[in-house]
Amino acid sequence: MEEEHKVDVKQALRVFNRVTRDGRKTHDGWHYQGLTVSTDFDGYTVFIHSNRVKLSIFFHNKFSVDYQNSNDLQEFLDLLARLDRD
């Protein structure tokens, strides 16, 4: 879907760092403000997800995003922007 180009990978990685710093660690990753973040076994792939959107960031900042509709994606992107700002 064309909305995928709106994903700012650098912003998402900053939010990932914030969630791992300020979030609560559990068996499935870190949880903070409606997001769950985790990595694969070697740390090269980063996962950031909400209830309705899953963003996977791969080596060299390639990414994929899974979502059902553009409203879900926009809410996710707004949350990333807010957590990056605050």
N, C-alpha and C. Protein backbone atom coordinates (compact mmCIF):
# COMPACT_ATOMS: atom_id res chain seq x y z
N MET A 1 0.84 -1.19 0.00
CA MET A 1 0.00 0.00 0.00
C MET A 1 0.88 1.25 0.00
N GLU A 2 0.41 2.30 -0.60
CA GLU A 2 1.22 3.48 -0.81
C GLU A 2 1.56 4.24 0.47
N GLU A 3 0.83 4.04 1.56
CA GLU A 3 1.10 4.75 2.80
C GLU A 3 2.42 4.31 3.44
N GLU A 4 2.94 3.17 3.04
CA GLU A 4 4.17 2.67 3.63
C GLU A 4 5.33 3.63 3.49
N HIS A 5 5.33 4.45 2.46
CA HIS A 5 6.43 5.39 2.29
C HIS A 5 6.48 6.44 3.39
N LYS A 6 5.43 6.54 4.19
CA LYS A 6 5.39 7.51 5.28
C LYS A 6 6.19 7.07 6.50
N VAL A 7 6.66 5.83 6.54
CA VAL A 7 7.41 5.33 7.69
C VAL A 7 8.80 5.95 7.71
N ASP A 8 9.13 6.59 8.82
CA ASP A 8 10.45 7.19 9.04
C ASP A 8 11.25 6.18 9.88
N VAL A 9 12.14 5.45 9.25
CA VAL A 9 12.88 4.39 9.93
C VAL A 9 13.73 4.94 11.07
N LYS A 10 14.37 6.07 10.85
CA LYS A 10 15.21 6.65 11.91
C LYS A 10 14.36 7.02 13.12
N GLN A 11 13.20 7.59 12.88
CA GLN A 11 12.29 7.91 13.98
C GLN A 11 11.86 6.64 14.70
N ALA A 12 11.51 5.61 13.95
CA ALA A 12 11.08 4.35 14.55
C ALA A 12 12.18 3.75 15.41
N LEU A 13 13.43 3.85 14.98
CA LEU A 13 14.54 3.33 15.78
C LEU A 13 14.76 4.15 17.05
N ARG A 14 14.55 5.45 16.98
CA ARG A 14 14.63 6.27 18.20
C ARG A 14 13.55 5.86 19.18
N VAL A 15 12.34 5.61 18.67
CA VAL A 15 11.24 5.17 19.53
C VAL A 15 11.55 3.79 20.11
N PHE A 16 12.11 2.90 19.30
CA PHE A 16 12.52 1.59 19.80
C PHE A 16 13.46 1.76 21.01
N ASN A 17 14.45 2.63 20.88
CA ASN A 17 15.38 2.87 21.99
C ASN A 17 14.66 3.42 23.21
N ARG A 18 13.72 4.31 23.00
CA ARG A 18 12.97 4.86 24.13
C ARG A 18 12.17 3.78 24.84
N VAL A 19 11.50 2.94 24.06
CA VAL A 19 10.69 1.89 24.66
C VAL A 19 11.56 0.92 25.45
N THR A 20 12.74 0.57 24.93
CA THR A 20 13.62 -0.34 25.68
C THR A 20 14.18 0.34 26.92
N ARG A 21 14.30 1.64 26.90
CA ARG A 21 14.82 2.39 28.05
C ARG A 21 13.74 2.61 29.11
N ASP A 22 12.54 3.03 28.66
CA ASP A 22 11.50 3.44 29.60
C ASP A 22 10.40 2.40 29.81
N GLY A 23 10.38 1.38 28.97
CA GLY A 23 9.29 0.40 29.01
C GLY A 23 9.50 -0.70 30.05
N ARG A 24 8.52 -1.58 30.11
CA ARG A 24 8.53 -2.72 31.02
C ARG A 24 8.91 -3.96 30.24
N LYS A 25 9.96 -4.65 30.71
CA LYS A 25 10.46 -5.85 30.03
C LYS A 25 9.62 -7.05 30.44
N THR A 26 9.17 -7.82 29.45
CA THR A 26 8.45 -9.06 29.69
C THR A 26 9.04 -10.15 28.80
N HIS A 27 8.44 -11.31 28.81
CA HIS A 27 8.94 -12.43 28.01
C HIS A 27 8.88 -12.19 26.50
N ASP A 28 8.01 -11.28 26.06
CA ASP A 28 7.87 -11.05 24.62
C ASP A 28 8.40 -9.71 24.15
N GLY A 29 9.16 -9.02 24.99
CA GLY A 29 9.74 -7.74 24.59
C GLY A 29 9.51 -6.68 25.64
N TRP A 30 9.61 -5.44 25.22
CA TRP A 30 9.38 -4.30 26.09
C TRP A 30 8.05 -3.66 25.72
N HIS A 31 7.31 -3.22 26.73
CA HIS A 31 5.99 -2.61 26.51
C HIS A 31 6.01 -1.18 27.04
N TYR A 32 5.47 -0.27 26.22
CA TYR A 32 5.42 1.13 26.64
C TYR A 32 4.41 1.87 25.77
N GLN A 33 3.46 2.55 26.41
CA GLN A 33 2.52 3.46 25.74
C GLN A 33 1.81 2.82 24.54
N GLY A 34 1.43 1.56 24.65
CA GLY A 34 0.70 0.91 23.57
C GLY A 34 1.55 0.22 22.53
N LEU A 35 2.87 0.25 22.70
CA LEU A 35 3.77 -0.41 21.76
C LEU A 35 4.47 -1.57 22.45
N THR A 36 4.78 -2.58 21.67
CA THR A 36 5.66 -3.66 22.10
C THR A 36 6.81 -3.71 21.11
N VAL A 37 8.03 -3.78 21.63
CA VAL A 37 9.20 -3.85 20.76
C VAL A 37 10.04 -5.07 21.14
N SER A 38 10.72 -5.61 20.14
CA SER A 38 11.61 -6.75 20.36
C SER A 38 12.59 -6.83 19.19
N THR A 39 13.52 -7.77 19.27
CA THR A 39 14.47 -8.02 18.18
C THR A 39 14.50 -9.51 17.90
N ASP A 40 15.10 -9.86 16.76
CA ASP A 40 15.32 -11.27 16.50
C ASP A 40 16.52 -11.73 17.31
N PHE A 41 16.93 -12.97 17.15
CA PHE A 41 17.97 -13.55 17.99
C PHE A 41 19.32 -12.84 17.88
N ASP A 42 19.65 -12.27 16.74
CA ASP A 42 20.95 -11.62 16.59
C ASP A 42 20.88 -10.10 16.70
N GLY A 43 19.69 -9.54 16.86
CA GLY A 43 19.54 -8.11 17.05
C GLY A 43 19.53 -7.29 15.78
N TYR A 44 19.65 -7.94 14.62
CA TYR A 44 19.67 -7.19 13.37
C TYR A 44 18.28 -6.81 12.87
N THR A 45 17.27 -7.49 13.32
CA THR A 45 15.90 -7.16 12.92
C THR A 45 15.16 -6.66 14.15
N VAL A 46 14.50 -5.53 13.99
CA VAL A 46 13.76 -4.87 15.07
C VAL A 46 12.28 -4.95 14.75
N PHE A 47 11.49 -5.28 15.75
CA PHE A 47 10.04 -5.34 15.60
C PHE A 47 9.40 -4.32 16.51
N ILE A 48 8.50 -3.54 15.95
CA ILE A 48 7.72 -2.55 16.72
C ILE A 48 6.28 -2.79 16.35
N HIS A 49 5.44 -3.07 17.34
CA HIS A 49 4.04 -3.28 16.98
C HIS A 49 3.08 -2.75 18.03
N SER A 50 1.93 -2.38 17.52
CA SER A 50 0.79 -2.00 18.33
C SER A 50 -0.22 -3.13 18.19
N ASN A 51 -1.44 -2.89 18.60
CA ASN A 51 -2.47 -3.93 18.46
C ASN A 51 -2.81 -4.22 17.00
N ARG A 52 -2.64 -3.23 16.12
CA ARG A 52 -3.10 -3.41 14.74
C ARG A 52 -2.04 -3.23 13.66
N VAL A 53 -0.83 -2.86 14.04
CA VAL A 53 0.23 -2.61 13.05
C VAL A 53 1.52 -3.27 13.53
N LYS A 54 2.23 -3.89 12.60
CA LYS A 54 3.54 -4.46 12.92
C LYS A 54 4.57 -3.94 11.93
N LEU A 55 5.58 -3.29 12.47
CA LEU A 55 6.69 -2.76 11.67
C LEU A 55 7.92 -3.61 11.94
N SER A 56 8.53 -4.11 10.89
CA SER A 56 9.77 -4.88 10.99
C SER A 56 10.85 -4.08 10.27
N ILE A 57 11.95 -3.82 10.97
CA ILE A 57 13.07 -3.08 10.38
C ILE A 57 14.24 -4.03 10.28
N PHE A 58 14.75 -4.17 9.06
CA PHE A 58 15.81 -5.13 8.77
C PHE A 58 17.15 -4.41 8.62
N PHE A 59 18.17 -5.19 8.39
CA PHE A 59 19.51 -4.67 8.16
C PHE A 59 19.48 -3.63 7.02
N HIS A 60 20.29 -2.61 7.13
CA HIS A 60 20.37 -1.52 6.15
C HIS A 60 19.07 -0.73 6.04
N ASN A 61 18.30 -0.67 7.13
CA ASN A 61 17.08 0.13 7.22
C ASN A 61 16.00 -0.22 6.22
N LYS A 62 16.03 -1.41 5.70
CA LYS A 62 14.90 -1.90 4.91
C LYS A 62 13.80 -2.24 5.90
N PHE A 63 12.55 -2.16 5.46
CA PHE A 63 11.47 -2.44 6.41
C PHE A 63 10.25 -3.01 5.70
N SER A 64 9.39 -3.59 6.50
CA SER A 64 8.06 -3.98 6.04
C SER A 64 7.09 -3.58 7.13
N VAL A 65 5.89 -3.27 6.71
CA VAL A 65 4.85 -2.89 7.66
C VAL A 65 3.58 -3.64 7.30
N ASP A 66 2.98 -4.26 8.30
CA ASP A 66 1.73 -5.01 8.11
C ASP A 66 0.61 -4.28 8.83
N TYR A 67 -0.48 -4.01 8.10
CA TYR A 67 -1.63 -3.32 8.66
C TYR A 67 -2.85 -3.63 7.81
N GLN A 68 -4.02 -3.43 8.40
CA GLN A 68 -5.27 -3.73 7.69
C GLN A 68 -5.79 -2.55 6.88
N ASN A 69 -5.69 -1.34 7.45
CA ASN A 69 -6.20 -0.18 6.73
C ASN A 69 -5.35 1.04 7.02
N SER A 70 -5.51 2.06 6.21
CA SER A 70 -4.67 3.25 6.33
C SER A 70 -4.89 4.01 7.64
N ASN A 71 -6.08 3.93 8.22
CA ASN A 71 -6.31 4.58 9.51
C ASN A 71 -5.46 3.95 10.61
N ASP A 72 -5.37 2.62 10.61
CA ASP A 72 -4.52 1.93 11.59
C ASP A 72 -3.07 2.37 11.44
N LEU A 73 -2.60 2.43 10.21
CA LEU A 73 -1.23 2.85 9.97
C LEU A 73 -1.01 4.28 10.42
N GLN A 74 -1.94 5.16 10.12
CA GLN A 74 -1.78 6.56 10.51
C GLN A 74 -1.75 6.73 12.03
N GLU A 75 -2.60 5.99 12.74
CA GLU A 75 -2.57 6.03 14.21
C GLU A 75 -1.22 5.55 14.75
N PHE A 76 -0.68 4.51 14.14
CA PHE A 76 0.62 3.99 14.53
C PHE A 76 1.71 5.03 14.29
N LEU A 77 1.70 5.64 13.11
CA LEU A 77 2.70 6.66 12.79
C LEU A 77 2.58 7.88 13.71
N ASP A 78 1.36 8.24 14.06
CA ASP A 78 1.15 9.35 14.99
C ASP A 78 1.71 9.01 16.37
N LEU A 79 1.52 7.77 16.80
CA LEU A 79 2.07 7.34 18.09
C LEU A 79 3.59 7.37 18.06
N LEU A 80 4.20 6.91 16.99
CA LEU A 80 5.65 6.98 16.87
C LEU A 80 6.13 8.43 16.96
N ALA A 81 5.45 9.31 16.25
CA ALA A 81 5.83 10.74 16.25
C ALA A 81 5.69 11.34 17.64
N ARG A 82 4.61 11.01 18.33
CA ARG A 82 4.41 11.54 19.69
C ARG A 82 5.50 11.05 20.64
N LEU A 83 5.80 9.76 20.60
CA LEU A 83 6.82 9.21 21.48
C LEU A 83 8.21 9.73 21.14
N ASP A 84 8.44 10.05 19.89
CA ASP A 84 9.72 10.64 19.50
C ASP A 84 9.84 12.07 19.98
N ARG A 85 8.74 12.80 20.00
CA ARG A 85 8.73 14.20 20.44
C ARG A 85 8.84 14.35 21.94
N ASP A 86 8.04 13.57 22.67
CA ASP A 86 7.93 13.73 24.14
C ASP A 86 9.19 13.37 24.86
